[in-house]
Amino acid sequence: MLGLFKKKPVNYFSEQEKKSVTQAIEKAEHRTSGEIRVFVESHCRENDPVIRAKQVFQELKMFQTAARNGVLVYVAMKDRKLAVFGDEGIHTKVGDAFWQTEVNKMIAHFNSSNYTAGITGIIGEIGEALATHFPYDAEGDTNELPDDIVFGK
């Protein structure tokens, strides 16, 4: 009986859009030892989306990459909040200005309701930065984190 009151998860993306995001992650990671994840939820639990992104980063155990080069793209759809959080390995290479520039580009796409283009675009840009600082090693590289989109509540 309680099952009748469960909230149905919101589906913000079509199957093709989800596939496009996953393919963008796979393409970016093919050139780097870095890891990229995308987390989408309806509402941001914090006033500052960077704080929430850091929480999600920890919950997803993204800090466990060997080179500390994981990057999380965080999106709260209904609250219209975005953030990018990079682990210490990549953050020391690119800094706050890079993350903010990338978020601003994503915001421009989102303002035109081009959500998938915004997300895949930022994945490509992050992939470039990761490839520059953490190039792919065919002999030793493994996919340390899943490439699928993670959906929160």
Protein backbone atom coordinates (compact mmCIF):
# COMPACT_ATOMS: atom_id res chain seq x y z
CA MET A 1 0.00 0.00 0.00
CA LEU A 2 2.83 2.42 0.79
CA GLY A 3 4.20 1.76 -2.68
CA LEU A 4 1.29 3.74 -4.11
CA PHE A 5 2.74 6.92 -2.64
CA LYS A 6 6.27 6.52 -3.94
CA LYS A 7 7.37 9.42 -6.05
CA LYS A 8 8.04 8.46 -9.65
CA PRO A 9 11.55 9.51 -10.72
CA VAL A 10 11.65 12.44 -13.10
CA ASN A 11 13.06 11.55 -16.49
CA TYR A 12 14.81 14.66 -17.80
CA PHE A 13 16.43 13.01 -20.80
CA SER A 14 15.33 10.71 -23.58
CA GLU A 15 17.14 7.42 -24.05
CA GLN A 16 19.01 8.91 -27.01
CA GLU A 17 20.07 11.93 -24.93
CA LYS A 18 21.31 9.64 -22.15
CA LYS A 19 23.23 7.66 -24.75
CA SER A 20 24.77 10.89 -26.12
CA VAL A 21 26.00 11.86 -22.66
CA THR A 22 27.42 8.39 -21.99
CA GLN A 23 29.14 8.37 -25.37
CA ALA A 24 30.64 11.81 -24.67
CA ILE A 25 32.07 10.48 -21.40
CA GLU A 26 33.48 7.39 -23.12
CA LYS A 27 35.02 9.49 -25.89
CA ALA A 28 36.61 11.93 -23.43
CA GLU A 29 37.94 9.18 -21.19
CA HIS A 30 39.47 7.34 -24.15
CA ARG A 31 42.11 10.10 -24.29
CA THR A 32 42.87 10.35 -20.57
CA SER A 33 43.36 8.40 -17.38
CA GLY A 34 40.89 10.83 -15.81
CA GLU A 35 37.30 9.98 -14.92
CA ILE A 36 34.15 12.01 -15.57
CA ARG A 37 30.74 11.47 -14.02
CA VAL A 38 27.45 13.31 -14.43
CA PHE A 39 24.96 13.59 -11.58
CA VAL A 40 21.47 14.99 -12.17
CA GLU A 41 18.80 15.65 -9.56
CA SER A 42 15.71 17.82 -9.30
CA HIS A 43 16.63 20.02 -6.35
CA CYS A 44 19.94 21.11 -4.87
CA ARG A 45 20.08 20.36 -1.16
CA GLU A 46 22.50 23.23 -0.57
CA ASN A 47 22.39 26.94 -1.37
CA ASP A 48 25.76 26.61 -3.11
CA PRO A 49 25.80 23.93 -5.83
CA VAL A 50 29.57 23.50 -5.44
CA ILE A 51 29.00 22.30 -1.86
CA ARG A 52 26.39 19.83 -3.10
CA ALA A 53 28.70 18.70 -5.92
CA LYS A 54 31.43 18.03 -3.37
CA GLN A 55 28.98 15.97 -1.27
CA VAL A 56 27.94 13.91 -4.31
CA PHE A 57 31.59 13.51 -5.32
CA GLN A 58 32.25 11.98 -1.89
CA GLU A 59 29.10 9.80 -1.97
CA LEU A 60 30.12 8.40 -5.37
CA LYS A 61 33.62 7.72 -4.00
CA MET A 62 35.16 9.62 -6.88
CA PHE A 63 38.19 10.45 -4.74
CA GLN A 64 39.34 6.85 -5.11
CA THR A 65 40.90 7.30 -8.55
CA ALA A 66 44.62 6.53 -8.60
CA ALA A 67 45.68 9.97 -9.86
CA ARG A 68 42.92 11.88 -8.02
CA ASN A 69 41.70 13.10 -11.40
CA GLY A 70 37.96 12.52 -11.22
CA VAL A 71 35.56 15.28 -12.26
CA LEU A 72 31.87 15.53 -11.41
CA VAL A 73 29.40 17.54 -13.48
CA TYR A 74 26.51 18.35 -11.15
CA VAL A 75 23.08 19.54 -12.34
CA ALA A 76 19.96 20.36 -10.28
CA MET A 77 17.35 20.70 -13.02
CA LYS A 78 14.39 22.32 -11.24
CA ASP A 79 16.57 24.66 -9.19
CA ARG A 80 18.62 25.52 -12.28
CA LYS A 81 21.91 25.07 -10.42
CA LEU A 82 25.11 23.73 -11.91
CA ALA A 83 28.60 22.99 -10.68
CA VAL A 84 31.73 21.14 -11.67
CA PHE A 85 33.90 19.60 -8.98
CA GLY A 86 37.35 18.24 -9.75
CA ASP A 87 39.51 16.15 -7.45
CA GLU A 88 42.79 17.58 -6.21
CA GLY A 89 44.91 16.06 -8.98
CA ILE A 90 43.12 17.90 -11.79
CA HIS A 91 42.09 20.92 -9.72
CA THR A 92 45.72 21.83 -9.00
CA LYS A 93 46.34 21.80 -12.77
CA VAL A 94 43.36 23.88 -13.96
CA GLY A 95 42.08 25.86 -10.94
CA ASP A 96 38.80 27.58 -10.11
CA ALA A 97 38.76 29.83 -13.20
CA PHE A 98 38.62 26.82 -15.53
CA TRP A 99 35.67 25.27 -13.69
CA GLN A 100 33.76 28.57 -13.66
CA THR A 101 34.39 29.14 -17.37
CA GLU A 102 33.03 25.68 -18.14
CA VAL A 103 29.94 26.19 -15.96
CA ASN A 104 29.28 29.50 -17.75
CA LYS A 105 29.39 27.72 -21.12
CA MET A 106 26.98 25.10 -19.83
CA ILE A 107 24.65 27.83 -18.51
CA ALA A 108 24.54 29.41 -21.98
CA HIS A 109 23.32 26.10 -23.43
CA PHE A 110 20.86 25.57 -20.58
CA ASN A 111 19.41 29.07 -21.05
CA SER A 112 18.45 27.96 -24.56
CA SER A 113 17.05 24.67 -23.20
CA ASN A 114 19.92 22.77 -24.87
CA TYR A 115 20.60 20.60 -21.83
CA THR A 116 22.22 17.66 -23.59
CA ALA A 117 24.43 19.94 -25.68
CA GLY A 118 25.48 21.78 -22.53
CA ILE A 119 26.40 18.59 -20.73
CA THR A 120 28.15 16.92 -23.67
CA GLY A 121 29.98 20.16 -24.43
CA ILE A 122 31.36 20.48 -20.92
CA ILE A 123 32.33 16.82 -20.93
CA GLY A 124 34.37 17.45 -24.08
CA GLU A 125 36.10 20.48 -22.55
CA ILE A 126 36.87 18.62 -19.32
CA GLY A 127 38.13 15.70 -21.39
CA GLU A 128 40.55 18.02 -23.19
CA ALA A 129 41.91 19.35 -19.89
CA LEU A 130 42.25 15.84 -18.50
CA ALA A 131 43.99 14.60 -21.67
CA THR A 132 46.46 17.47 -21.44
CA HIS A 133 47.40 16.79 -17.83
CA PHE A 134 46.62 13.06 -17.55
CA PRO A 135 47.09 11.43 -20.96
CA TYR A 136 45.72 8.00 -21.70
CA ASP A 137 48.06 5.08 -21.01
CA ALA A 138 47.00 2.10 -23.15
CA GLU A 139 48.94 -0.37 -21.01
CA GLY A 140 47.92 0.73 -17.54
CA ASP A 141 44.67 2.62 -17.83
CA THR A 142 41.44 1.14 -16.53
CA ASN A 143 37.98 2.66 -16.36
CA GLU A 144 37.86 3.32 -12.63
CA LEU A 145 34.31 4.71 -12.49
CA PRO A 146 31.08 3.94 -14.40
CA ASP A 147 30.25 6.19 -17.38
CA ASP A 148 26.46 6.28 -16.96
CA ILE A 149 24.52 9.30 -15.71
CA VAL A 150 23.65 9.09 -12.03
CA PHE A 151 20.16 10.35 -11.19
CA GLY A 152 19.36 11.57 -7.71
CA LYS A 153 15.96 12.42 -6.29
